[in-house]
Amino acid sequence: MDVKNSPRYLYWLFCQFELITCSYLMEPWEKVLFYSFNLAMLGLLLYTTYVCVAFQASSAFQFTCARVSIENKTPKNVKIQSLLFS
């Protein structure tokens, strides 16, 4: 996409948003409340996603590190015996 067309494309997306939400029919003070609410919900969604993904990644990393350290501490003959008898 050209840089020249970027503002026009963003304006087109904004017009589509106004048409879909019917916000073009609202008065200016209603638009401010509506857009503020939408931005607040988007912010909360992004923050929650960031916190949950960070927590899940941390848990997965700790689990992986624990598994690797357990496997490295186990003697090799115990691994072979457990494989043979399972």
C-alpha atoms as a PDB file:
ATOM      1  CA  MET A   1       0.000   0.000   0.000  1.00  0.00           C
ATOM      2  CA  ASP A   2       1.242   3.459  -0.852  1.00  0.00           C
ATOM      3  CA  VAL A   3       1.990   5.956   1.859  1.00  0.00           C
ATOM      4  CA  LYS A   4      -0.130   8.513   0.006  1.00  0.00           C
ATOM      5  CA  ASN A   5      -3.172   6.256   0.203  1.00  0.00           C
ATOM      6  CA  SER A   6      -2.759   5.402   3.891  1.00  0.00           C
ATOM      7  CA  PRO A   7      -4.735   8.376   5.271  1.00  0.00           C
ATOM      8  CA  ARG A   8      -7.468   7.780   2.713  1.00  0.00           C
ATOM      9  CA  TYR A   9      -7.597   4.079   3.588  1.00  0.00           C
ATOM     10  CA  LEU A  10      -7.757   4.852   7.315  1.00  0.00           C
ATOM     11  CA  TYR A  11     -10.561   7.320   6.640  1.00  0.00           C
ATOM     12  CA  TRP A  12     -12.374   4.637   4.644  1.00  0.00           C
ATOM     13  CA  LEU A  13     -11.993   2.177   7.539  1.00  0.00           C
ATOM     14  CA  PHE A  14     -13.320   4.792   9.960  1.00  0.00           C
ATOM     15  CA  CYS A  15     -16.318   5.393   7.701  1.00  0.00           C
ATOM     16  CA  GLN A  16     -16.956   1.644   7.586  1.00  0.00           C
ATOM     17  CA  PHE A  17     -16.788   1.527  11.380  1.00  0.00           C
ATOM     18  CA  GLU A  18     -19.284   4.377  11.636  1.00  0.00           C
ATOM     19  CA  LEU A  19     -21.630   2.654   9.202  1.00  0.00           C
ATOM     20  CA  ILE A  20     -21.452  -0.699  10.965  1.00  0.00           C
ATOM     21  CA  THR A  21     -22.006   0.768  14.421  1.00  0.00           C
ATOM     22  CA  CYS A  22     -24.483   3.423  13.190  1.00  0.00           C
ATOM     23  CA  SER A  23     -22.450   5.993  15.094  1.00  0.00           C
ATOM     24  CA  TYR A  24     -22.788   8.474  12.227  1.00  0.00           C
ATOM     25  CA  LEU A  25     -26.336   9.058  13.520  1.00  0.00           C
ATOM     26  CA  MET A  26     -25.149  10.039  17.010  1.00  0.00           C
ATOM     27  CA  GLU A  27     -24.665  13.524  18.335  1.00  0.00           C
ATOM     28  CA  PRO A  28     -21.066  14.594  19.061  1.00  0.00           C
ATOM     29  CA  TRP A  29     -21.340  14.084  22.839  1.00  0.00           C
ATOM     30  CA  GLU A  30     -22.784  10.600  22.262  1.00  0.00           C
ATOM     31  CA  LYS A  31     -19.906   9.773  19.934  1.00  0.00           C
ATOM     32  CA  VAL A  32     -17.396  10.816  22.607  1.00  0.00           C
ATOM     33  CA  LEU A  33     -19.014   8.501  25.151  1.00  0.00           C
ATOM     34  CA  PHE A  34     -19.335   5.671  22.637  1.00  0.00           C
ATOM     35  CA  TYR A  35     -15.748   5.909  21.404  1.00  0.00           C
ATOM     36  CA  SER A  36     -14.426   6.291  24.953  1.00  0.00           C
ATOM     37  CA  PHE A  37     -16.226   3.136  26.021  1.00  0.00           C
ATOM     38  CA  ASN A  38     -14.954   1.230  22.971  1.00  0.00           C
ATOM     39  CA  LEU A  39     -11.373   2.364  23.541  1.00  0.00           C
ATOM     40  CA  ALA A  40     -11.568   1.449  27.221  1.00  0.00           C
ATOM     41  CA  MET A  41     -12.839  -2.042  26.365  1.00  0.00           C
ATOM     42  CA  LEU A  42     -10.106  -2.468  23.751  1.00  0.00           C
ATOM     43  CA  GLY A  43      -7.485  -1.374  26.282  1.00  0.00           C
ATOM     44  CA  LEU A  44      -8.788  -3.813  28.893  1.00  0.00           C
ATOM     45  CA  LEU A  45      -8.830  -6.609  26.335  1.00  0.00           C
ATOM     46  CA  LEU A  46      -5.239  -5.939  25.270  1.00  0.00           C
ATOM     47  CA  TYR A  47      -4.035  -5.658  28.874  1.00  0.00           C
ATOM     48  CA  THR A  48      -5.780  -8.886  29.889  1.00  0.00           C
ATOM     49  CA  THR A  49      -4.373 -10.673  26.868  1.00  0.00           C
ATOM     50  CA  TYR A  50      -0.874  -9.416  27.688  1.00  0.00           C
ATOM     51  CA  VAL A  51      -1.130 -10.551  31.320  1.00  0.00           C
ATOM     52  CA  CYS A  52      -2.577 -13.980  30.480  1.00  0.00           C
ATOM     53  CA  VAL A  53      -0.114 -14.697  27.676  1.00  0.00           C
ATOM     54  CA  ALA A  54       2.801 -13.631  29.862  1.00  0.00           C
ATOM     55  CA  PHE A  55       1.572 -15.872  32.692  1.00  0.00           C
ATOM     56  CA  GLN A  56       1.053 -18.852  30.369  1.00  0.00           C
ATOM     57  CA  ALA A  57       4.474 -18.385  28.758  1.00  0.00           C
ATOM     58  CA  SER A  58       6.107 -18.155  32.182  1.00  0.00           C
ATOM     59  CA  SER A  59       4.361 -21.318  33.359  1.00  0.00           C
ATOM     60  CA  ALA A  60       5.333 -23.189  30.197  1.00  0.00           C
ATOM     61  CA  PHE A  61       8.946 -22.048  30.534  1.00  0.00           C
ATOM     62  CA  GLN A  62       9.113 -23.131  34.190  1.00  0.00           C
ATOM     63  CA  PHE A  63       7.547 -26.497  33.340  1.00  0.00           C
ATOM     64  CA  THR A  64      10.003 -27.050  30.486  1.00  0.00           C
ATOM     65  CA  CYS A  65      12.987 -26.082  32.645  1.00  0.00           C
ATOM     66  CA  ALA A  66      11.826 -28.400  35.416  1.00  0.00           C
ATOM     67  CA  ARG A  67      11.435 -31.316  32.974  1.00  0.00           C
ATOM     68  CA  VAL A  68      14.863 -30.721  31.465  1.00  0.00           C
ATOM     69  CA  SER A  69      16.553 -30.520  34.866  1.00  0.00           C
ATOM     70  CA  ILE A  70      14.816 -33.723  36.045  1.00  0.00           C
ATOM     71  CA  GLU A  71      15.881 -35.581  32.911  1.00  0.00           C
ATOM     72  CA  ASN A  72      19.457 -34.357  33.213  1.00  0.00           C
ATOM     73  CA  LYS A  73      19.703 -35.417  36.886  1.00  0.00           C
ATOM     74  CA  THR A  74      18.341 -38.923  36.300  1.00  0.00           C
ATOM     75  CA  PRO A  75      21.106 -41.530  35.808  1.00  0.00           C
ATOM     76  CA  LYS A  76      21.180 -43.103  32.355  1.00  0.00           C
ATOM     77  CA  ASN A  77      20.783 -46.692  33.600  1.00  0.00           C
ATOM     78  CA  VAL A  78      17.543 -45.722  35.371  1.00  0.00           C
ATOM     79  CA  LYS A  79      16.242 -44.251  32.125  1.00  0.00           C
ATOM     80  CA  ILE A  80      17.095 -47.442  30.242  1.00  0.00           C
ATOM     81  CA  GLN A  81      15.509 -49.670  32.899  1.00  0.00           C
ATOM     82  CA  SER A  82      12.378 -47.564  32.973  1.00  0.00           C
ATOM     83  CA  LEU A  83      12.143 -47.800  29.197  1.00  0.00           C
ATOM     84  CA  LEU A  84      12.667 -51.587  29.216  1.00  0.00           C
ATOM     85  CA  PHE A  85      10.146 -52.354  31.941  1.00  0.00           C
ATOM     86  CA  SER A  86       7.355 -49.979  30.933  1.00  0.00           C
END
